[in-house]
Amino acid sequence: MSTPQVSKPAPGPKHASPVQIAKPIPAQSPTASVARVKRRHWALVASFVIMVLMPIGVSAAYLWNRAADQYISRVGFSVRTEEVSSAIEMLGGIANLSGASSTDTDILYQFLQSQELVRRIDNQLDLRGIWSRVDPEQDPYFAFRPPGTIEDLVEHWGRKVRIYYDGGTGLIDLDVLAFDPEDARAIAQAIFEESSAMINQLSAIAREDAISYARDELEQAQTRLTEARVALAEWRNENQTVDPAADTQGQMGLVTNLQAQLAEALIEFDILRDTTRENDPRITQAERRIAVIEERIVAERAVLGTNGSTGVAFADLVGEYERLVVDQEFAEQAYTAALAAFDAARNEARRQSRYLAAHVRPTLAEASEYPNRPTILITISLLLFLIWSVLALVAYSLRDRR
């Protein structure tokens, strides 16, 4: 019986390719409509005109039509400290040195902005009248409106007196504005003179502080010396002696001399007693002389024990006198040391002197430099445009969030 034959499929590719599926053709998007000017666009343009163009026009009209010309007087100075070398230092070859004092310059910088300086210069030059020469109704921004308070004048001072301070070099430069060049230079000159007076005052105070302690010590030493001398003089008047030690030495010399005479008299007495009879009148005279000398020695020794005028022991007088002399000598030495210290402090204070050095004297302007109208107008325009741009972006961002 035969096996039926099964037909095999024809050999084909090992991996069949995937079936390709046709993608649908997208529908054509509609054509965009023509943009139209809407109300918000007109509002944006109107805001630009109101916030930018109109203020620029007003500012330009004010700057070129109403703002008065102002003149600048420039002055520059710095505080210098001059250290003058002493004679010894000059012999050693040390030259004079000059340097800037930053602390004094900081003080001067604050003084230039103070109400005190403004008041002083106003009393001298009438700042209110100088800065209101132009009618404030015509130029209300740059002109001062009198009478005004001192606070108003100080505020206007900050606009008319521009201070430039370099802390590294200690230089101070000022630009002084006024409607007249002579007024500007007068204000600058007054500022320089008042600043110089203030620095001189600081220098005097520093010099006085440097020598005040030495002066006090000198006065105390002088008072002590005077009291010691007065005490010694009163003691001498009271005890009627100049130097008890010298008196004692003189008294001791007298006693010594009497003792020598007594020894001679005793020797003579012994010789007479050995060579003459007992009833010889010379022996009686010798005995009388010996007795007188012995009595005198006792009396003089009694004088050494006490002062005959006061009844005080000589030892106590000498001790009191020596104490007074030691006090006077100590007072003299203290006075000499205090006087030397005072002279040294005074010389040191003189060596370090402060002064105001001007590197730019007050200038006299020939042409107006302020207000700088183009620069001011460009600055105003940029500022207005930035403000308008920020406000427009904020408005559109708020609109898009709705």
Protein backbone atom coordinates (compact mmCIF):
# COMPACT_ATOMS: atom_id res chain seq x y z
CA MET A 1 0.00 0.00 0.00
CA SER A 2 1.55 3.23 -1.05
CA THR A 3 2.04 6.26 1.30
CA PRO A 4 0.35 9.42 0.06
CA GLN A 5 2.81 12.17 -0.91
CA VAL A 6 2.53 15.41 1.00
CA SER A 7 3.46 18.43 -0.99
CA LYS A 8 6.07 20.75 0.75
CA PRO A 9 5.86 24.41 0.48
CA ALA A 10 8.23 26.05 -1.87
CA PRO A 11 11.33 27.40 -0.19
CA GLY A 12 11.04 31.13 0.50
CA PRO A 13 12.96 33.79 2.39
CA LYS A 14 13.98 32.95 5.92
CA HIS A 15 12.34 36.17 7.44
CA ALA A 16 9.32 37.72 5.85
CA SER A 17 9.26 41.55 5.59
CA PRO A 18 6.67 43.33 7.75
CA VAL A 19 3.46 44.50 6.24
CA GLN A 20 3.56 48.17 5.26
CA ILE A 21 0.59 50.15 6.59
CA ALA A 22 -0.31 53.33 4.75
CA LYS A 23 -0.43 56.46 6.92
CA PRO A 24 -3.37 58.78 6.57
CA ILE A 25 -2.64 62.06 4.87
CA PRO A 26 -3.17 64.95 7.37
CA ALA A 27 -5.74 67.51 6.55
CA GLN A 28 -4.37 70.85 5.34
CA SER A 29 -4.33 73.59 8.13
CA PRO A 30 -6.40 76.64 7.45
CA THR A 31 -4.64 79.85 6.35
CA ALA A 32 -3.91 82.42 9.21
CA SER A 33 -6.03 85.50 9.19
CA VAL A 34 -4.51 88.95 8.78
CA ALA A 35 -3.43 90.53 12.17
CA ARG A 36 -5.46 93.52 13.18
CA VAL A 37 -4.67 96.36 15.53
CA LYS A 38 -6.58 95.82 18.74
CA ARG A 39 -7.42 97.97 21.67
CA ARG A 40 -4.49 96.69 23.77
CA HIS A 41 -2.07 97.75 21.05
CA TRP A 42 -3.41 101.26 21.10
CA ALA A 43 -3.20 101.26 24.89
CA LEU A 44 0.46 100.20 24.67
CA VAL A 45 1.24 102.99 22.24
CA ALA A 46 -0.63 105.51 24.35
CA SER A 47 1.25 104.41 27.48
CA PHE A 48 4.56 104.82 25.62
CA VAL A 49 3.60 108.33 24.56
CA ILE A 50 2.40 109.29 28.06
CA MET A 51 5.15 107.63 30.07
CA VAL A 52 8.14 108.12 27.77
CA LEU A 53 7.74 110.66 25.01
CA MET A 54 5.82 113.30 26.92
CA PRO A 55 8.18 113.33 29.96
CA ILE A 56 11.15 113.47 27.59
CA GLY A 57 9.61 116.44 25.81
CA VAL A 58 8.83 118.19 29.10
CA SER A 59 12.36 117.54 30.38
CA ALA A 60 13.92 118.84 27.19
CA ALA A 61 11.78 121.96 27.28
CA TYR A 62 12.72 122.56 30.91
CA LEU A 63 16.43 121.97 30.39
CA TRP A 64 16.77 124.19 27.31
CA ASN A 65 14.22 126.87 28.12
CA ARG A 66 14.05 127.27 31.90
CA ALA A 67 17.11 125.71 33.54
CA ALA A 68 19.71 128.41 34.22
CA ASP A 69 23.38 127.97 33.42
CA GLN A 70 25.58 127.11 36.38
CA TYR A 71 29.33 127.56 36.77
CA ILE A 72 31.71 125.23 38.57
CA SER A 73 34.61 126.20 40.79
CA ARG A 74 36.90 123.30 41.62
CA VAL A 75 39.11 123.00 44.69
CA GLY A 76 41.17 120.08 45.99
CA PHE A 77 43.11 119.58 49.20
CA SER A 78 44.37 117.00 51.69
CA VAL A 79 45.43 116.90 55.33
CA ARG A 80 49.18 116.60 55.75
CA THR A 81 51.20 115.79 58.85
CA GLU A 82 54.69 117.29 58.94
CA GLU A 83 57.15 115.53 61.23
CA VAL A 84 60.12 117.84 61.76
CA SER A 85 63.25 115.96 62.74
CA SER A 86 65.13 116.96 65.87
CA ALA A 87 68.74 118.08 65.87
CA ILE A 88 69.99 114.60 66.77
CA GLU A 89 67.97 112.99 63.99
CA MET A 90 69.22 115.56 61.50
CA LEU A 91 72.80 114.77 62.49
CA GLY A 92 71.99 111.12 61.95
CA GLY A 93 70.82 111.84 58.42
CA ILE A 94 67.07 111.41 58.95
CA ALA A 95 65.20 113.79 56.65
CA ASN A 96 61.91 115.52 57.30
CA LEU A 97 58.91 113.39 56.48
CA SER A 98 55.48 114.47 55.34
CA GLY A 99 52.48 112.17 55.14
CA ALA A 100 48.71 112.18 54.93
CA SER A 101 46.56 111.58 57.99
CA SER A 102 43.60 109.41 57.06
CA THR A 103 41.82 109.91 60.39
CA ASP A 104 41.91 113.69 60.09
CA THR A 105 40.80 113.44 56.46
CA ASP A 106 37.80 111.35 57.49
CA ILE A 107 36.89 113.97 60.06
CA LEU A 108 37.26 116.71 57.46
CA TYR A 109 35.08 114.76 55.00
CA GLN A 110 32.27 114.64 57.56
CA PHE A 111 32.81 118.32 58.40
CA LEU A 112 32.31 119.27 54.74
CA GLN A 113 28.78 117.84 54.91
CA SER A 114 27.90 119.22 58.32
CA GLN A 115 25.30 121.79 59.19
CA GLU A 116 27.93 123.76 61.10
CA LEU A 117 29.96 124.47 57.95
CA VAL A 118 26.84 125.38 55.99
CA ARG A 119 25.78 127.81 58.69
CA ARG A 120 29.22 129.45 58.86
CA ILE A 121 29.48 129.99 55.12
CA ASP A 122 25.88 131.18 54.93
CA ASN A 123 26.68 133.80 57.58
CA GLN A 124 29.71 134.90 55.56
CA LEU A 125 28.37 134.85 51.99
CA ASP A 126 24.56 134.53 52.20
CA LEU A 127 24.17 131.17 50.46
CA ARG A 128 20.43 131.64 50.27
CA GLY A 129 20.87 134.76 48.19
CA ILE A 130 23.59 133.23 45.99
CA TRP A 131 21.62 130.10 45.11
CA SER A 132 18.35 132.00 44.58
CA ARG A 133 19.70 134.56 42.08
CA VAL A 134 17.59 132.77 39.48
CA ASP A 135 13.86 133.04 40.13
CA PRO A 136 12.70 129.78 41.76
CA GLU A 137 9.45 130.08 39.82
CA GLN A 138 11.41 129.91 36.57
CA ASP A 139 13.87 127.20 37.69
CA PRO A 140 12.29 125.41 40.67
CA TYR A 141 14.63 122.42 40.51
CA PHE A 142 18.09 124.00 40.38
CA ALA A 143 17.34 127.25 42.26
CA PHE A 144 16.95 127.52 46.04
CA ARG A 145 13.60 128.71 47.29
CA PRO A 146 14.20 131.27 50.07
CA PRO A 147 14.01 131.76 52.95
CA GLY A 148 13.98 128.06 53.81
CA THR A 149 15.23 126.41 56.98
CA ILE A 150 18.81 125.43 57.71
CA GLU A 151 17.82 121.84 56.94
CA ASP A 152 16.61 122.91 53.50
CA LEU A 153 19.88 124.75 52.95
CA VAL A 154 21.92 121.69 53.98
CA GLU A 155 19.92 119.56 51.54
CA HIS A 156 20.54 122.06 48.75
CA TRP A 157 24.22 122.18 49.76
CA GLY A 158 24.45 118.48 48.95
CA ARG A 159 23.30 119.25 45.40
CA LYS A 160 25.48 122.29 44.86
CA VAL A 161 28.70 121.11 46.58
CA ARG A 162 29.85 117.77 45.25
CA ILE A 163 32.54 116.03 47.31
CA TYR A 164 34.87 113.38 45.89
CA TYR A 165 36.98 111.61 48.54
CA ASP A 166 39.72 109.09 47.74
CA GLY A 167 40.33 107.09 50.90
CA GLY A 168 43.51 105.54 49.52
CA THR A 169 45.37 108.77 48.84
CA GLY A 170 43.49 111.00 51.28
CA LEU A 171 42.66 113.55 48.55
CA ILE A 172 39.41 115.53 48.66
CA ASP A 173 38.11 117.28 45.53
CA LEU A 174 35.07 119.56 45.45
CA ASP A 175 32.92 120.91 42.63
CA VAL A 176 31.03 124.00 43.77
CA LEU A 177 28.08 125.15 41.63
CA ALA A 178 26.58 128.62 41.45
CA PHE A 179 24.78 130.77 38.92
CA ASP A 180 27.73 133.20 38.85
CA PRO A 181 31.39 132.14 38.52
CA GLU A 182 32.53 134.65 41.14
CA ASP A 183 30.00 133.26 43.62
CA ALA A 184 31.19 129.72 42.94
CA ARG A 185 34.81 130.65 43.57
CA ALA A 186 33.90 132.61 46.71
CA ILE A 187 32.10 129.57 48.14
CA ALA A 188 35.03 127.30 47.26
CA GLN A 189 37.49 129.70 48.89
CA ALA A 190 35.34 129.93 52.04
CA ILE A 191 35.17 126.12 52.22
CA PHE A 192 38.96 125.89 51.97
CA GLU A 193 39.49 128.54 54.67
CA GLU A 194 36.99 126.97 57.08
CA SER A 195 38.50 123.51 56.49
CA SER A 196 41.98 124.89 57.16
CA ALA A 197 40.78 126.52 60.38
CA MET A 198 39.20 123.26 61.49
CA ILE A 199 42.42 121.30 60.85
CA ASN A 200 44.43 123.94 62.73
CA GLN A 201 42.01 123.59 65.63
CA LEU A 202 42.43 119.80 65.59
CA SER A 203 46.19 120.26 65.56
CA ALA A 204 46.03 122.64 68.52
CA ILE A 205 43.82 120.23 70.46
CA ALA A 206 46.15 117.32 69.73
CA ARG A 207 49.16 119.41 70.77
CA GLU A 208 47.44 120.46 73.97
CA ASP A 209 46.49 116.84 74.76
CA ALA A 210 50.08 115.77 74.18
CA ILE A 211 51.55 118.23 76.68
CA SER A 212 48.69 118.56 79.20
CA TYR A 213 49.82 115.58 81.28
CA ALA A 214 53.43 116.80 81.31
CA ARG A 215 52.23 120.28 82.28
CA ASP A 216 50.19 118.88 85.19
CA GLU A 217 53.20 116.93 86.43
CA LEU A 218 55.36 120.05 86.19
CA GLU A 219 52.85 122.12 88.16
CA GLN A 220 52.65 119.47 90.89
CA ALA A 221 56.44 119.26 91.12
CA GLN A 222 56.71 123.05 91.29
CA THR A 223 54.11 123.21 94.05
CA ARG A 224 55.91 120.50 96.03
CA LEU A 225 59.26 122.29 95.68
CA THR A 226 57.74 125.57 96.82
CA GLU A 227 56.17 123.94 99.87
CA ALA A 228 59.47 122.23 100.79
CA ARG A 229 61.39 125.49 100.57
CA VAL A 230 58.80 127.37 102.63
CA ALA A 231 58.83 124.65 105.30
CA LEU A 232 62.62 124.76 105.57
CA ALA A 233 62.64 128.57 105.79
CA GLU A 234 59.99 128.55 108.55
CA TRP A 235 61.97 125.96 110.50
CA ARG A 236 65.12 128.09 110.32
CA ASN A 237 63.27 131.18 111.49
CA GLU A 238 61.65 129.28 114.33
CA ASN A 239 64.89 127.70 115.58
CA GLN A 240 67.10 130.68 114.73
CA THR A 241 69.67 128.58 112.96
CA VAL A 242 70.60 128.04 109.37
CA ASP A 243 72.29 124.66 109.65
CA PRO A 244 72.19 122.80 112.98
CA ALA A 245 74.72 120.31 111.71
CA ALA A 246 77.23 123.09 111.15
CA ASP A 247 76.41 124.53 114.59
CA THR A 248 76.99 121.14 116.17
CA GLN A 249 80.33 120.78 114.47
CA GLY A 250 81.36 124.22 115.71
CA GLN A 251 80.25 123.38 119.23
CA MET A 252 82.14 120.10 119.14
CA GLY A 253 85.24 121.97 117.98
CA LEU A 254 84.91 124.31 120.95
CA VAL A 255 84.63 121.41 123.39
CA THR A 256 87.64 119.76 121.82
CA ASN A 257 89.63 122.98 122.17
CA LEU A 258 88.62 123.27 125.83
CA GLN A 259 89.66 119.71 126.45
CA ALA A 260 93.07 120.47 124.92
CA GLN A 261 93.41 123.53 127.19
CA LEU A 262 92.40 121.42 130.19
CA ALA A 263 95.11 118.93 129.38
CA GLU A 264 97.70 121.72 129.19
CA ALA A 265 96.49 123.20 132.47
CA LEU A 266 96.73 119.81 134.22
CA ILE A 267 100.25 119.36 132.92
CA GLU A 268 101.25 122.79 134.20
CA PHE A 269 99.61 122.06 137.55
CA ASP A 270 101.54 118.83 137.92
CA ILE A 271 104.79 120.58 137.09
CA LEU A 272 104.12 123.37 139.60
CA ARG A 273 103.19 120.91 142.33
CA ASP A 274 106.43 119.01 141.82
CA THR A 275 108.67 122.09 141.65
CA THR A 276 107.14 124.51 144.14
CA ARG A 277 105.86 124.62 147.71
CA GLU A 278 102.28 123.84 148.61
CA ASN A 279 101.40 127.37 149.55
CA ASP A 280 102.69 128.79 146.30
CA PRO A 281 100.01 131.13 144.85
CA ARG A 282 100.71 129.81 141.36
CA ILE A 283 99.34 126.40 142.42
CA THR A 284 96.10 128.03 143.57
CA GLN A 285 95.85 129.93 140.31
CA ALA A 286 96.45 126.70 138.33
CA GLU A 287 93.75 124.90 140.29
CA ARG A 288 91.37 127.78 139.67
CA ARG A 289 92.14 127.68 135.92
CA ILE A 290 91.54 123.90 135.79
CA ALA A 291 88.20 124.28 137.57
CA VAL A 292 87.05 127.02 135.18
CA ILE A 293 87.98 124.95 132.14
CA GLU A 294 86.14 121.92 133.50
CA GLU A 295 83.03 124.01 134.19
CA ARG A 296 83.18 125.43 130.68
CA ILE A 297 83.47 121.97 129.17
CA VAL A 298 80.40 120.82 131.13
CA ALA A 299 78.49 123.89 130.03
CA GLU A 300 79.40 123.44 126.37
CA ARG A 301 78.47 119.78 126.47
CA ALA A 302 75.14 120.81 127.94
CA VAL A 303 74.71 123.15 125.00
CA LEU A 304 75.33 120.21 122.63
CA GLY A 305 72.50 118.34 124.32
CA THR A 306 69.87 121.06 123.94
CA ASN A 307 69.32 124.23 121.97
CA GLY A 308 69.57 127.08 124.37
CA SER A 309 66.91 129.22 122.65
CA THR A 310 64.22 126.58 122.31
CA GLY A 311 65.22 123.91 124.80
CA VAL A 312 64.94 121.22 122.13
CA ALA A 313 67.65 118.59 121.91
CA PHE A 314 70.17 119.19 119.16
CA ALA A 315 69.72 115.63 117.95
CA ASP A 316 66.02 116.26 117.33
CA LEU A 317 66.82 119.54 115.60
CA VAL A 318 69.35 117.87 113.33
CA GLY A 319 66.91 115.05 112.52
CA GLU A 320 64.10 117.46 111.67
CA TYR A 321 66.48 119.60 109.63
CA GLU A 322 67.77 116.62 107.69
CA ARG A 323 64.20 115.51 106.95
CA LEU A 324 63.31 118.93 105.56
CA VAL A 325 66.51 119.03 103.50
CA VAL A 326 65.78 115.57 102.03
CA ASP A 327 62.24 116.69 101.14
CA GLN A 328 63.62 119.76 99.42
CA GLU A 329 66.24 117.78 97.49
CA PHE A 330 63.63 115.24 96.37
CA ALA A 331 61.29 118.06 95.29
CA GLU A 332 64.12 119.67 93.34
CA GLN A 333 64.92 116.41 91.55
CA ALA A 334 61.23 115.78 90.78
CA TYR A 335 60.90 119.33 89.44
CA THR A 336 63.95 118.89 87.23
CA ALA A 337 62.58 115.62 85.81
CA ALA A 338 59.10 117.12 85.26
CA LEU A 339 60.59 120.15 83.53
CA ALA A 340 62.61 117.91 81.21
CA ALA A 341 59.54 115.79 80.45
CA PHE A 342 57.49 118.91 79.71
CA ASP A 343 60.12 120.27 77.33
CA ALA A 344 60.35 116.89 75.58
CA ALA A 345 56.54 116.64 75.20
CA ARG A 346 56.31 120.20 73.90
CA ASN A 347 59.09 119.62 71.37
CA GLU A 348 57.48 116.36 70.24
CA ALA A 349 54.14 118.12 69.80
CA ARG A 350 55.80 120.83 67.73
CA ARG A 351 57.46 118.21 65.56
CA GLN A 352 54.09 116.74 64.52
CA SER A 353 52.01 119.53 62.99
CA ARG A 354 48.93 119.16 60.79
CA TYR A 355 48.04 121.51 57.97
CA LEU A 356 45.73 121.62 54.98
CA ALA A 357 47.58 121.40 51.66
CA ALA A 358 45.71 122.50 48.53
CA HIS A 359 46.63 120.69 45.33
CA VAL A 360 43.95 122.63 43.40
CA ARG A 361 43.24 126.24 44.34
CA PRO A 362 39.66 127.53 43.85
CA THR A 363 39.19 128.03 40.12
CA LEU A 364 37.22 130.70 38.25
CA ALA A 365 35.03 129.30 35.47
CA GLU A 366 34.72 131.07 32.12
CA ALA A 367 32.00 128.87 30.60
CA SER A 368 28.97 127.09 31.97
CA GLU A 369 29.42 123.33 32.44
CA TYR A 370 26.18 122.56 34.24
CA PRO A 371 23.54 121.45 33.72
CA ASN A 372 24.88 119.00 31.12
CA ARG A 373 21.65 118.98 29.15
CA PRO A 374 22.34 116.16 26.63
CA THR A 375 23.59 113.80 29.33
CA ILE A 376 20.69 114.57 31.64
CA LEU A 377 18.16 114.12 28.83
CA ILE A 378 19.68 110.79 27.71
CA THR A 379 19.68 109.54 31.30
CA ILE A 380 16.04 110.54 31.76
CA SER A 381 15.09 108.89 28.46
CA LEU A 382 16.77 105.59 29.32
CA LEU A 383 15.23 105.56 32.77
CA LEU A 384 11.73 106.27 31.45
CA PHE A 385 12.07 103.64 28.73
CA LEU A 386 13.18 101.00 31.24
CA ILE A 387 10.28 101.80 33.55
CA TRP A 388 7.80 101.66 30.70
CA SER A 389 9.25 98.35 29.43
CA VAL A 390 9.02 96.71 32.85
CA LEU A 391 5.44 97.87 33.36
CA ALA A 392 4.44 96.67 29.85
CA LEU A 393 5.97 93.22 30.46
CA VAL A 394 4.21 92.96 33.81
CA ALA A 395 0.86 93.94 32.23
CA TYR A 396 1.21 91.33 29.43
CA SER A 397 2.24 88.60 31.87
CA LEU A 398 -0.84 89.29 34.00
CA ARG A 399 -3.02 89.23 30.88
CA ASP A 400 -1.63 85.86 29.76
CA ARG A 401 -2.42 84.26 33.14
CA ARG A 402 -6.13 84.94 32.81
